[in-house]
Amino acid sequence: MPEEKLNKLYTECIQELESIGLNIQNKEIIGTIDIKISARNNKRYGCCKQENPDQNYKVIQKVGRHKIIKYEKFNVHHIEISKWVMQLNNSIIKNTIMHEIIHCIPFCNNHGKEFKKYANYINTKLGYDITTKGNKEADYIASNIEFKEENNYKYKIVCKNCGQTIYRKRFNKNLIKKYRCGICGGKLTLL
């Protein structure tokens, strides 16, 4: 039953994208895409695993003495949506599916400039709220499901500016020294 629901929502997403001029089923540009529910119980919303890179989109970066090879286009995409996401409202599930579909577009396999360009376009044209990071608590509340705070974490890190909470099982002091809040850029503090 959840697989049928997922496939139905995926088909709706494809049709909506076609209505604004994005043909995701074009195998020459995008490649093949399959979608399924993740076998593992992940904390993340979903993921897009890619294989069979297109050699024409090979980028070699030099970092010091090292060479880093990246591919900007893949021919096969495997989208996995986490089991817990399937309990949420259809709009939140579709938002997650759209996020993962964007990763299938060439030059969008990370959350960089191209990804954000497509996300903004889809948000504007179709009314989605595609971001690089989800808010699990807000999504549970929007779906009228009780949110149970993760209590198997040892450390709670809070942004001094906006109050965003981050939970960690292990603590690295560099997290507070070198990193900033992903929402507002504020300083992080350990509680």
N, C-alpha and C. Protein backbone atom coordinates (compact mmCIF):
# COMPACT_ATOMS: atom_id res chain seq x y z
N MET A 1 0.82 -1.21 0.00
CA MET A 1 0.00 0.00 0.00
C MET A 1 0.86 1.27 0.00
N PRO A 2 1.88 1.38 0.87
CA PRO A 2 2.71 2.59 0.84
C PRO A 2 3.44 2.76 -0.50
N GLU A 3 3.84 1.64 -1.12
CA GLU A 3 4.52 1.72 -2.43
C GLU A 3 3.58 2.30 -3.49
N GLU A 4 2.30 1.89 -3.45
CA GLU A 4 1.32 2.41 -4.40
C GLU A 4 1.12 3.91 -4.20
N LYS A 5 1.03 4.32 -2.94
CA LYS A 5 0.87 5.74 -2.62
C LYS A 5 2.08 6.53 -3.11
N LEU A 6 3.28 5.99 -2.90
CA LEU A 6 4.50 6.66 -3.33
C LEU A 6 4.53 6.81 -4.85
N ASN A 7 4.20 5.74 -5.57
CA ASN A 7 4.20 5.80 -7.04
C ASN A 7 3.16 6.78 -7.56
N LYS A 8 1.99 6.84 -6.91
CA LYS A 8 0.94 7.79 -7.32
C LYS A 8 1.43 9.23 -7.14
N LEU A 9 2.03 9.52 -5.98
CA LEU A 9 2.52 10.87 -5.72
C LEU A 9 3.69 11.23 -6.64
N TYR A 10 4.54 10.27 -6.95
CA TYR A 10 5.65 10.48 -7.87
C TYR A 10 5.12 10.85 -9.26
N THR A 11 4.09 10.13 -9.72
CA THR A 11 3.48 10.42 -11.01
C THR A 11 2.89 11.83 -11.03
N GLU A 12 2.24 12.22 -9.93
CA GLU A 12 1.70 13.58 -9.84
C GLU A 12 2.80 14.62 -9.93
N CYS A 13 3.93 14.36 -9.28
CA CYS A 13 5.07 15.30 -9.31
C CYS A 13 5.60 15.43 -10.73
N ILE A 14 5.72 14.32 -11.46
CA ILE A 14 6.22 14.34 -12.83
C ILE A 14 5.29 15.17 -13.71
N GLN A 15 3.97 14.99 -13.54
CA GLN A 15 2.99 15.74 -14.33
C GLN A 15 3.05 17.23 -14.02
N GLU A 16 3.22 17.57 -12.75
CA GLU A 16 3.32 18.98 -12.36
C GLU A 16 4.57 19.61 -12.96
N LEU A 17 5.68 18.89 -12.96
CA LEU A 17 6.91 19.42 -13.53
C LEU A 17 6.77 19.61 -15.04
N GLU A 18 6.09 18.69 -15.70
CA GLU A 18 5.87 18.84 -17.15
C GLU A 18 5.00 20.06 -17.44
N SER A 19 4.08 20.39 -16.54
CA SER A 19 3.20 21.54 -16.75
C SER A 19 3.96 22.87 -16.71
N ILE A 20 5.16 22.89 -16.09
CA ILE A 20 5.96 24.12 -16.06
C ILE A 20 7.19 24.02 -16.96
N GLY A 21 7.21 23.00 -17.82
CA GLY A 21 8.28 22.90 -18.82
C GLY A 21 9.50 22.09 -18.44
N LEU A 22 9.44 21.34 -17.36
CA LEU A 22 10.57 20.48 -16.96
C LEU A 22 10.21 19.03 -17.27
N ASN A 23 10.83 18.47 -18.30
CA ASN A 23 10.55 17.09 -18.69
C ASN A 23 11.57 16.17 -18.01
N ILE A 24 11.16 15.59 -16.92
CA ILE A 24 12.04 14.73 -16.13
C ILE A 24 12.15 13.34 -16.76
N GLN A 25 11.24 12.98 -17.65
CA GLN A 25 11.27 11.66 -18.26
C GLN A 25 12.11 11.61 -19.53
N ASN A 26 12.81 12.68 -19.86
CA ASN A 26 13.69 12.71 -21.02
C ASN A 26 14.97 11.94 -20.66
N LYS A 27 15.09 10.71 -21.13
CA LYS A 27 16.20 9.84 -20.75
C LYS A 27 17.55 10.34 -21.26
N GLU A 28 17.57 11.11 -22.36
CA GLU A 28 18.83 11.61 -22.89
C GLU A 28 19.43 12.68 -21.98
N ILE A 29 18.59 13.51 -21.40
CA ILE A 29 19.08 14.58 -20.53
C ILE A 29 19.18 14.12 -19.08
N ILE A 30 18.14 13.48 -18.58
CA ILE A 30 18.06 13.12 -17.17
C ILE A 30 18.59 11.71 -16.89
N GLY A 31 18.27 10.76 -17.74
CA GLY A 31 18.58 9.36 -17.49
C GLY A 31 17.35 8.65 -16.95
N THR A 32 17.54 7.49 -16.37
CA THR A 32 16.41 6.74 -15.82
C THR A 32 16.30 6.99 -14.32
N ILE A 33 15.07 7.03 -13.84
CA ILE A 33 14.81 7.28 -12.42
C ILE A 33 13.89 6.18 -11.91
N ASP A 34 14.26 5.57 -10.78
CA ASP A 34 13.32 4.68 -10.09
C ASP A 34 13.17 5.18 -8.66
N ILE A 35 12.01 4.90 -8.08
CA ILE A 35 11.71 5.40 -6.75
C ILE A 35 11.17 4.26 -5.89
N LYS A 36 11.57 4.25 -4.63
CA LYS A 36 11.09 3.22 -3.70
C LYS A 36 11.18 3.74 -2.27
N ILE A 37 10.59 3.00 -1.36
CA ILE A 37 10.69 3.32 0.06
C ILE A 37 11.97 2.70 0.59
N SER A 38 12.70 3.45 1.37
CA SER A 38 13.98 2.99 1.90
C SER A 38 13.79 1.75 2.79
N ALA A 39 14.68 0.79 2.65
CA ALA A 39 14.60 -0.43 3.45
C ALA A 39 15.03 -0.17 4.90
N ARG A 40 15.90 0.84 5.08
CA ARG A 40 16.35 1.17 6.43
C ARG A 40 15.50 2.27 7.03
N ASN A 41 15.49 2.34 8.34
CA ASN A 41 14.77 3.40 9.02
C ASN A 41 15.73 4.57 9.22
N ASN A 42 15.77 5.47 8.25
CA ASN A 42 16.72 6.58 8.28
C ASN A 42 16.16 7.79 9.00
N LYS A 43 17.06 8.65 9.45
CA LYS A 43 16.65 9.91 10.04
C LYS A 43 16.39 10.94 8.95
N ARG A 44 17.00 10.73 7.79
CA ARG A 44 16.82 11.69 6.70
C ARG A 44 15.49 11.45 5.99
N TYR A 45 15.06 12.44 5.24
CA TYR A 45 13.80 12.36 4.51
C TYR A 45 13.91 11.40 3.33
N GLY A 46 14.97 11.54 2.57
CA GLY A 46 15.16 10.70 1.40
C GLY A 46 16.56 10.88 0.85
N CYS A 47 16.87 10.14 -0.20
CA CYS A 47 18.18 10.29 -0.84
C CYS A 47 18.06 9.91 -2.31
N CYS A 48 19.01 10.40 -3.09
CA CYS A 48 19.09 10.09 -4.51
C CYS A 48 20.46 9.48 -4.75
N LYS A 49 20.48 8.18 -4.95
CA LYS A 49 21.74 7.48 -5.22
C LYS A 49 21.92 7.44 -6.74
N GLN A 50 23.12 7.78 -7.19
CA GLN A 50 23.36 7.90 -8.62
C GLN A 50 24.47 6.95 -9.05
N GLU A 51 24.33 6.44 -10.27
CA GLU A 51 25.36 5.56 -10.82
C GLU A 51 25.44 5.75 -12.33
N ASN A 52 26.43 5.13 -12.93
CA ASN A 52 26.68 5.23 -14.36
C ASN A 52 26.89 6.68 -14.79
N PRO A 53 28.02 7.29 -14.34
CA PRO A 53 28.27 8.70 -14.68
C PRO A 53 28.50 8.90 -16.17
N ASP A 54 28.09 10.05 -16.67
CA ASP A 54 28.30 10.43 -18.06
C ASP A 54 29.71 11.01 -18.18
N GLN A 55 30.55 10.38 -18.97
CA GLN A 55 31.96 10.79 -19.10
C GLN A 55 32.10 12.18 -19.72
N ASN A 56 31.09 12.65 -20.45
CA ASN A 56 31.15 13.99 -21.04
C ASN A 56 31.02 15.09 -20.00
N TYR A 57 30.56 14.74 -18.80
CA TYR A 57 30.36 15.72 -17.73
C TYR A 57 31.36 15.51 -16.60
N LYS A 58 32.55 15.10 -16.94
CA LYS A 58 33.60 14.84 -15.96
C LYS A 58 34.33 16.15 -15.66
N VAL A 59 34.49 16.45 -14.39
CA VAL A 59 35.18 17.66 -13.95
C VAL A 59 36.34 17.24 -13.05
N ILE A 60 37.54 17.73 -13.37
CA ILE A 60 38.72 17.42 -12.56
C ILE A 60 39.14 18.70 -11.86
N GLN A 61 39.19 18.64 -10.53
CA GLN A 61 39.63 19.79 -9.74
C GLN A 61 40.97 19.45 -9.10
N LYS A 62 41.86 20.42 -9.08
CA LYS A 62 43.13 20.24 -8.39
C LYS A 62 43.05 20.92 -7.04
N VAL A 63 43.35 20.15 -6.01
CA VAL A 63 43.41 20.67 -4.65
C VAL A 63 44.79 20.32 -4.12
N GLY A 64 45.67 21.29 -4.15
CA GLY A 64 47.06 21.02 -3.77
C GLY A 64 47.68 20.05 -4.75
N ARG A 65 48.18 18.93 -4.23
CA ARG A 65 48.78 17.90 -5.09
C ARG A 65 47.75 16.87 -5.54
N HIS A 66 46.56 16.96 -5.01
CA HIS A 66 45.54 15.95 -5.29
C HIS A 66 44.61 16.39 -6.43
N LYS A 67 44.09 15.40 -7.12
CA LYS A 67 43.07 15.64 -8.14
C LYS A 67 41.76 15.02 -7.67
N ILE A 68 40.70 15.80 -7.77
CA ILE A 68 39.38 15.30 -7.39
C ILE A 68 38.55 15.22 -8.67
N ILE A 69 38.02 14.03 -8.93
CA ILE A 69 37.19 13.82 -10.12
C ILE A 69 35.73 13.82 -9.69
N LYS A 70 34.94 14.68 -10.31
CA LYS A 70 33.50 14.76 -10.05
C LYS A 70 32.76 14.59 -11.36
N TYR A 71 31.55 14.10 -11.25
CA TYR A 71 30.68 13.99 -12.42
C TYR A 71 29.44 14.84 -12.16
N GLU A 72 29.04 15.60 -13.15
CA GLU A 72 27.90 16.50 -13.02
C GLU A 72 26.61 15.91 -13.58
N LYS A 73 26.72 14.75 -14.23
CA LYS A 73 25.52 14.10 -14.79
C LYS A 73 25.66 12.60 -14.67
N PHE A 74 24.58 11.96 -14.26
CA PHE A 74 24.53 10.52 -14.14
C PHE A 74 23.39 9.99 -14.99
N ASN A 75 23.50 8.73 -15.42
CA ASN A 75 22.47 8.14 -16.29
C ASN A 75 21.44 7.30 -15.55
N VAL A 76 21.73 6.93 -14.29
CA VAL A 76 20.80 6.12 -13.51
C VAL A 76 20.66 6.75 -12.12
N HIS A 77 19.40 6.94 -11.70
CA HIS A 77 19.11 7.56 -10.40
C HIS A 77 18.17 6.65 -9.62
N HIS A 78 18.50 6.42 -8.35
CA HIS A 78 17.66 5.62 -7.46
C HIS A 78 17.21 6.52 -6.31
N ILE A 79 15.94 6.89 -6.31
CA ILE A 79 15.41 7.74 -5.24
C ILE A 79 14.82 6.84 -4.16
N GLU A 80 15.20 7.10 -2.92
CA GLU A 80 14.65 6.37 -1.77
C GLU A 80 14.02 7.38 -0.83
N ILE A 81 12.79 7.10 -0.41
CA ILE A 81 12.07 7.94 0.55
C ILE A 81 11.96 7.14 1.84
N SER A 82 12.28 7.77 2.96
CA SER A 82 12.26 7.08 4.26
C SER A 82 10.85 6.66 4.65
N LYS A 83 10.77 5.55 5.39
CA LYS A 83 9.48 5.00 5.80
C LYS A 83 8.66 6.00 6.62
N TRP A 84 9.32 6.69 7.54
CA TRP A 84 8.60 7.60 8.43
C TRP A 84 7.98 8.77 7.66
N VAL A 85 8.56 9.16 6.53
CA VAL A 85 8.02 10.26 5.74
C VAL A 85 6.66 9.88 5.16
N MET A 86 6.44 8.60 4.89
CA MET A 86 5.19 8.14 4.27
C MET A 86 3.99 8.29 5.21
N GLN A 87 4.22 8.55 6.51
CA GLN A 87 3.13 8.80 7.46
C GLN A 87 2.62 10.24 7.38
N LEU A 88 3.43 11.13 6.83
CA LEU A 88 3.13 12.55 6.83
C LEU A 88 2.11 12.91 5.75
N ASN A 89 1.71 14.18 5.71
CA ASN A 89 0.77 14.67 4.71
C ASN A 89 1.32 14.45 3.31
N ASN A 90 0.42 14.28 2.34
CA ASN A 90 0.85 14.09 0.95
C ASN A 90 1.68 15.26 0.44
N SER A 91 1.36 16.48 0.89
CA SER A 91 2.12 17.65 0.43
C SER A 91 3.57 17.58 0.89
N ILE A 92 3.81 17.07 2.07
CA ILE A 92 5.18 16.95 2.59
C ILE A 92 5.91 15.82 1.86
N ILE A 93 5.21 14.73 1.57
CA ILE A 93 5.81 13.62 0.81
C ILE A 93 6.19 14.11 -0.59
N LYS A 94 5.28 14.85 -1.24
CA LYS A 94 5.55 15.36 -2.59
C LYS A 94 6.71 16.36 -2.57
N ASN A 95 6.80 17.15 -1.52
CA ASN A 95 7.90 18.10 -1.37
C ASN A 95 9.24 17.34 -1.32
N THR A 96 9.25 16.23 -0.58
CA THR A 96 10.46 15.40 -0.48
C THR A 96 10.78 14.77 -1.84
N ILE A 97 9.77 14.27 -2.54
CA ILE A 97 9.98 13.66 -3.86
C ILE A 97 10.55 14.70 -4.82
N MET A 98 9.98 15.91 -4.82
CA MET A 98 10.47 16.98 -5.69
C MET A 98 11.94 17.30 -5.39
N HIS A 99 12.28 17.36 -4.10
CA HIS A 99 13.66 17.62 -3.69
C HIS A 99 14.60 16.60 -4.32
N GLU A 100 14.22 15.33 -4.23
CA GLU A 100 15.08 14.26 -4.75
C GLU A 100 15.10 14.25 -6.28
N ILE A 101 13.99 14.62 -6.92
CA ILE A 101 13.96 14.69 -8.39
C ILE A 101 14.94 15.76 -8.88
N ILE A 102 15.02 16.88 -8.17
CA ILE A 102 15.95 17.94 -8.58
C ILE A 102 17.38 17.40 -8.61
N HIS A 103 17.73 16.50 -7.67
CA HIS A 103 19.08 15.92 -7.66
C HIS A 103 19.37 15.11 -8.93
N CYS A 104 18.35 14.69 -9.65
CA CYS A 104 18.52 13.91 -10.87
C CYS A 104 18.90 14.79 -12.07
N ILE A 105 18.66 16.09 -11.97
CA ILE A 105 18.95 17.02 -13.06
C ILE A 105 20.46 17.25 -13.11
N PRO A 106 21.06 17.29 -14.32
CA PRO A 106 22.50 17.54 -14.42
C PRO A 106 22.91 18.81 -13.68
N PHE A 107 24.07 18.76 -13.02
CA PHE A 107 24.67 19.83 -12.24
C PHE A 107 23.94 20.09 -10.91
N CYS A 108 23.02 19.22 -10.53
CA CYS A 108 22.24 19.42 -9.29
C CYS A 108 22.44 18.30 -8.28
N ASN A 109 23.52 17.53 -8.38
CA ASN A 109 23.68 16.39 -7.46
C ASN A 109 24.22 16.82 -6.09
N ASN A 110 24.26 18.12 -5.82
CA ASN A 110 24.54 18.62 -4.48
C ASN A 110 23.54 19.76 -4.22
N HIS A 111 23.69 20.47 -3.12
CA HIS A 111 22.77 21.55 -2.80
C HIS A 111 23.35 22.90 -3.19
N GLY A 112 24.05 22.94 -4.31
CA GLY A 112 24.71 24.16 -4.77
C GLY A 112 23.78 25.11 -5.50
N LYS A 113 24.41 25.98 -6.28
CA LYS A 113 23.70 27.07 -6.97
C LYS A 113 22.63 26.55 -7.93
N GLU A 114 22.96 25.52 -8.72
CA GLU A 114 22.00 24.98 -9.70
C GLU A 114 20.79 24.34 -9.00
N PHE A 115 21.05 23.60 -7.92
CA PHE A 115 19.97 22.98 -7.16
C PHE A 115 19.02 24.06 -6.66
N LYS A 116 19.58 25.12 -6.07
CA LYS A 116 18.75 26.19 -5.51
C LYS A 116 17.98 26.92 -6.60
N LYS A 117 18.56 27.04 -7.78
CA LYS A 117 17.87 27.70 -8.90
C LYS A 117 16.61 26.91 -9.27
N TYR A 118 16.74 25.59 -9.42
CA TYR A 118 15.58 24.75 -9.75
C TYR A 118 14.57 24.73 -8.61
N ALA A 119 15.05 24.66 -7.37
CA ALA A 119 14.14 24.65 -6.22
C ALA A 119 13.32 25.95 -6.18
N ASN A 120 13.97 27.09 -6.39
CA ASN A 120 13.25 28.37 -6.39
C ASN A 120 12.24 28.43 -7.52
N TYR A 121 12.61 27.91 -8.69
CA TYR A 121 11.70 27.91 -9.84
C TYR A 121 10.45 27.08 -9.55
N ILE A 122 10.65 25.88 -9.01
CA ILE A 122 9.52 25.00 -8.68
C ILE A 122 8.68 25.59 -7.54
N ASN A 123 9.35 26.16 -6.53
CA ASN A 123 8.62 26.79 -5.43
C ASN A 123 7.74 27.93 -5.94
N THR A 124 8.27 28.74 -6.83
CA THR A 124 7.53 29.89 -7.36
C THR A 124 6.37 29.46 -8.25
N LYS A 125 6.63 28.53 -9.17
CA LYS A 125 5.62 28.14 -10.15
C LYS A 125 4.56 27.21 -9.57
N LEU A 126 4.96 26.30 -8.67
CA LEU A 126 4.02 25.27 -8.19
C LEU A 126 3.63 25.41 -6.71
N GLY A 127 4.24 26.35 -5.99
CA GLY A 127 3.87 26.58 -4.60
C GLY A 127 4.46 25.59 -3.61
N TYR A 128 5.55 24.95 -3.96
CA TYR A 128 6.22 24.03 -3.03
C TYR A 128 7.09 24.81 -2.06
N ASP A 129 7.63 24.10 -1.08
CA ASP A 129 8.57 24.70 -0.12
C ASP A 129 9.81 23.82 -0.07
N ILE A 130 10.50 23.71 -1.20
CA ILE A 130 11.68 22.86 -1.29
C ILE A 130 12.87 23.62 -0.71
N THR A 131 13.49 23.01 0.29
CA THR A 131 14.69 23.59 0.91
C THR A 131 15.78 22.53 0.92
N THR A 132 16.96 22.91 1.36
CA THR A 132 18.05 21.93 1.43
C THR A 132 17.95 21.06 2.68
N LYS A 133 17.16 21.50 3.65
CA LYS A 133 17.06 20.76 4.90
C LYS A 133 15.62 20.83 5.40
N GLY A 134 15.10 19.72 5.89
CA GLY A 134 13.73 19.69 6.39
C GLY A 134 13.65 19.98 7.87
N ASN A 135 12.44 20.23 8.34
CA ASN A 135 12.18 20.45 9.76
C ASN A 135 11.21 19.36 10.22
N LYS A 136 11.75 18.33 10.82
CA LYS A 136 10.98 17.15 11.18
C LYS A 136 9.83 17.49 12.14
N GLU A 137 10.12 18.30 13.14
CA GLU A 137 9.11 18.64 14.14
C GLU A 137 7.94 19.39 13.49
N ALA A 138 8.24 20.38 12.66
CA ALA A 138 7.18 21.16 12.00
C ALA A 138 6.36 20.27 11.06
N ASP A 139 7.00 19.33 10.38
CA ASP A 139 6.28 18.44 9.47
C ASP A 139 5.36 17.48 10.23
N TYR A 140 5.81 17.00 11.38
CA TYR A 140 4.95 16.14 12.20
C TYR A 140 3.73 16.93 12.69
N ILE A 141 3.96 18.16 13.15
CA ILE A 141 2.86 18.99 13.64
C ILE A 141 1.88 19.29 12.52
N ALA A 142 2.40 19.62 11.31
CA ALA A 142 1.54 19.90 10.16
C ALA A 142 0.71 18.68 9.75
N SER A 143 1.22 17.49 10.05
CA SER A 143 0.51 16.25 9.71
C SER A 143 -0.36 15.74 10.85
N ASN A 144 -0.48 16.51 11.92
CA ASN A 144 -1.27 16.14 13.11
C ASN A 144 -0.79 14.82 13.73
N ILE A 145 0.51 14.65 13.77
CA ILE A 145 1.11 13.47 14.40
C ILE A 145 1.98 13.97 15.55
N GLU A 146 1.91 13.28 16.68
CA GLU A 146 2.70 13.69 17.84
C GLU A 146 4.18 13.52 17.53
N PHE A 147 4.94 14.56 17.79
CA PHE A 147 6.40 14.52 17.57
C PHE A 147 7.06 14.17 18.89
N LYS A 148 7.85 13.10 18.87
CA LYS A 148 8.60 12.70 20.06
C LYS A 148 10.04 13.10 19.84
N GLU A 149 10.53 13.96 20.73
CA GLU A 149 11.90 14.44 20.61
C GLU A 149 12.87 13.28 20.75
N GLU A 150 13.87 13.28 19.89
CA GLU A 150 14.89 12.23 19.94
C GLU A 150 15.63 12.33 21.27
N ASN A 151 15.52 11.30 22.11
CA ASN A 151 16.17 11.37 23.42
C ASN A 151 17.36 10.43 23.54
N ASN A 152 17.77 9.81 22.45
CA ASN A 152 18.92 8.93 22.53
C ASN A 152 20.21 9.67 22.17
N TYR A 153 20.15 11.00 22.17
CA TYR A 153 21.32 11.82 21.90
C TYR A 153 21.92 12.31 23.20
N LYS A 154 23.24 12.42 23.23
CA LYS A 154 23.93 12.90 24.43
C LYS A 154 24.04 14.42 24.44
N TYR A 155 24.17 15.03 23.25
CA TYR A 155 24.47 16.45 23.17
C TYR A 155 23.38 17.22 22.44
N LYS A 156 23.07 18.39 22.98
CA LYS A 156 22.08 19.27 22.38
C LYS A 156 22.79 20.60 22.08
N ILE A 157 22.80 20.99 20.82
CA ILE A 157 23.46 22.21 20.40
C ILE A 157 22.38 23.16 19.90
N VAL A 158 22.44 24.42 20.35
CA VAL A 158 21.41 25.40 20.02
C VAL A 158 22.05 26.63 19.40
N CYS A 159 21.38 27.21 18.42
CA CYS A 159 21.82 28.46 17.81
C CYS A 159 21.46 29.60 18.77
N LYS A 160 22.42 30.48 19.04
CA LYS A 160 22.17 31.61 19.94
C LYS A 160 21.21 32.63 19.31
N ASN A 161 21.17 32.66 18.00
CA ASN A 161 20.37 33.65 17.28
C ASN A 161 18.91 33.23 17.12
N CYS A 162 18.68 32.10 16.42
CA CYS A 162 17.30 31.71 16.08
C CYS A 162 16.76 30.57 16.94
N GLY A 163 17.62 29.91 17.70
CA GLY A 163 17.16 28.85 18.59
C GLY A 163 17.03 27.48 17.95
N GLN A 164 17.51 27.32 16.72
CA GLN A 164 17.47 26.00 16.08
C GLN A 164 18.22 25.00 16.96
N THR A 165 17.66 23.80 17.11
CA THR A 165 18.25 22.77 17.95
C THR A 165 18.84 21.67 17.08
N ILE A 166 20.05 21.26 17.42
CA ILE A 166 20.74 20.18 16.71
C ILE A 166 21.13 19.15 17.77
N TYR A 167 20.84 17.88 17.48
CA TYR A 167 21.17 16.80 18.41
C TYR A 167 22.34 16.00 17.84
N ARG A 168 23.26 15.58 18.72
CA ARG A 168 24.41 14.79 18.29
C ARG A 168 24.67 13.69 19.31
N LYS A 169 25.05 12.52 18.80
CA LYS A 169 25.44 11.42 19.68
C LYS A 169 26.87 11.60 20.16
N ARG A 170 27.71 12.13 19.26
CA ARG A 170 29.11 12.42 19.60
C ARG A 170 29.32 13.92 19.46
N PHE A 171 30.25 14.45 20.23
CA PHE A 171 30.51 15.88 20.20
C PHE A 171 31.91 16.15 19.67
N ASN A 172 31.99 17.09 18.77
CA ASN A 172 33.27 17.54 18.22
C ASN A 172 33.35 19.03 18.51
N LYS A 173 34.38 19.45 19.23
CA LYS A 173 34.47 20.86 19.63
C LYS A 173 34.56 21.79 18.42
N ASN A 174 35.02 21.27 17.27
CA ASN A 174 35.08 22.10 16.07
C ASN A 174 33.70 22.51 15.57
N LEU A 175 32.68 21.74 15.95
CA LEU A 175 31.32 22.07 15.54
C LEU A 175 30.92 23.45 16.04
N ILE A 176 31.26 23.76 17.27
CA ILE A 176 30.90 25.06 17.84
C ILE A 176 31.90 26.13 17.41
N LYS A 177 33.17 25.77 17.28
CA LYS A 177 34.19 26.76 16.92
C LYS A 177 34.11 27.18 15.45
N LYS A 178 33.98 26.22 14.54
CA LYS A 178 34.12 26.51 13.12
C LYS A 178 32.82 26.63 12.35
N TYR A 179 31.73 26.09 12.88
CA TYR A 179 30.49 26.05 12.12
C TYR A 179 29.48 27.05 12.65
N ARG A 180 28.53 27.42 11.78
CA ARG A 180 27.46 28.35 12.11
C ARG A 180 26.12 27.69 11.83
N CYS A 181 25.09 28.32 12.31
CA CYS A 181 23.72 27.83 12.08
C CYS A 181 23.40 27.83 10.58
N GLY A 182 22.78 26.75 10.10
CA GLY A 182 22.44 26.66 8.70
C GLY A 182 21.25 27.52 8.31
N ILE A 183 20.49 27.99 9.28
CA ILE A 183 19.31 28.81 8.99
C ILE A 183 19.66 30.29 8.98
N CYS A 184 20.31 30.76 10.06
CA CYS A 184 20.53 32.21 10.17
C CYS A 184 22.00 32.61 10.19
N GLY A 185 22.91 31.64 10.31
CA GLY A 185 24.34 31.96 10.35
C GLY A 185 24.82 32.35 11.75
N GLY A 186 23.99 32.17 12.76
CA GLY A 186 24.36 32.54 14.13
C GLY A 186 25.33 31.55 14.75
N LYS A 187 25.90 31.94 15.90
CA LYS A 187 26.85 31.09 16.62
C LYS A 187 26.12 29.95 17.33
N LEU A 188 26.79 28.81 17.43
CA LEU A 188 26.23 27.63 18.08
C LEU A 188 26.77 27.52 19.50
N THR A 189 25.96 26.98 20.39
CA THR A 189 26.38 26.78 21.77
C THR A 189 25.91 25.40 22.24
N LEU A 190 26.69 24.77 23.11
CA LEU A 190 26.38 23.46 23.64
C LEU A 190 25.57 23.61 24.92
N LEU A 191 24.46 22.87 25.02
CA LEU A 191 23.67 22.87 26.25
C LEU A 191 23.93 21.61 27.05
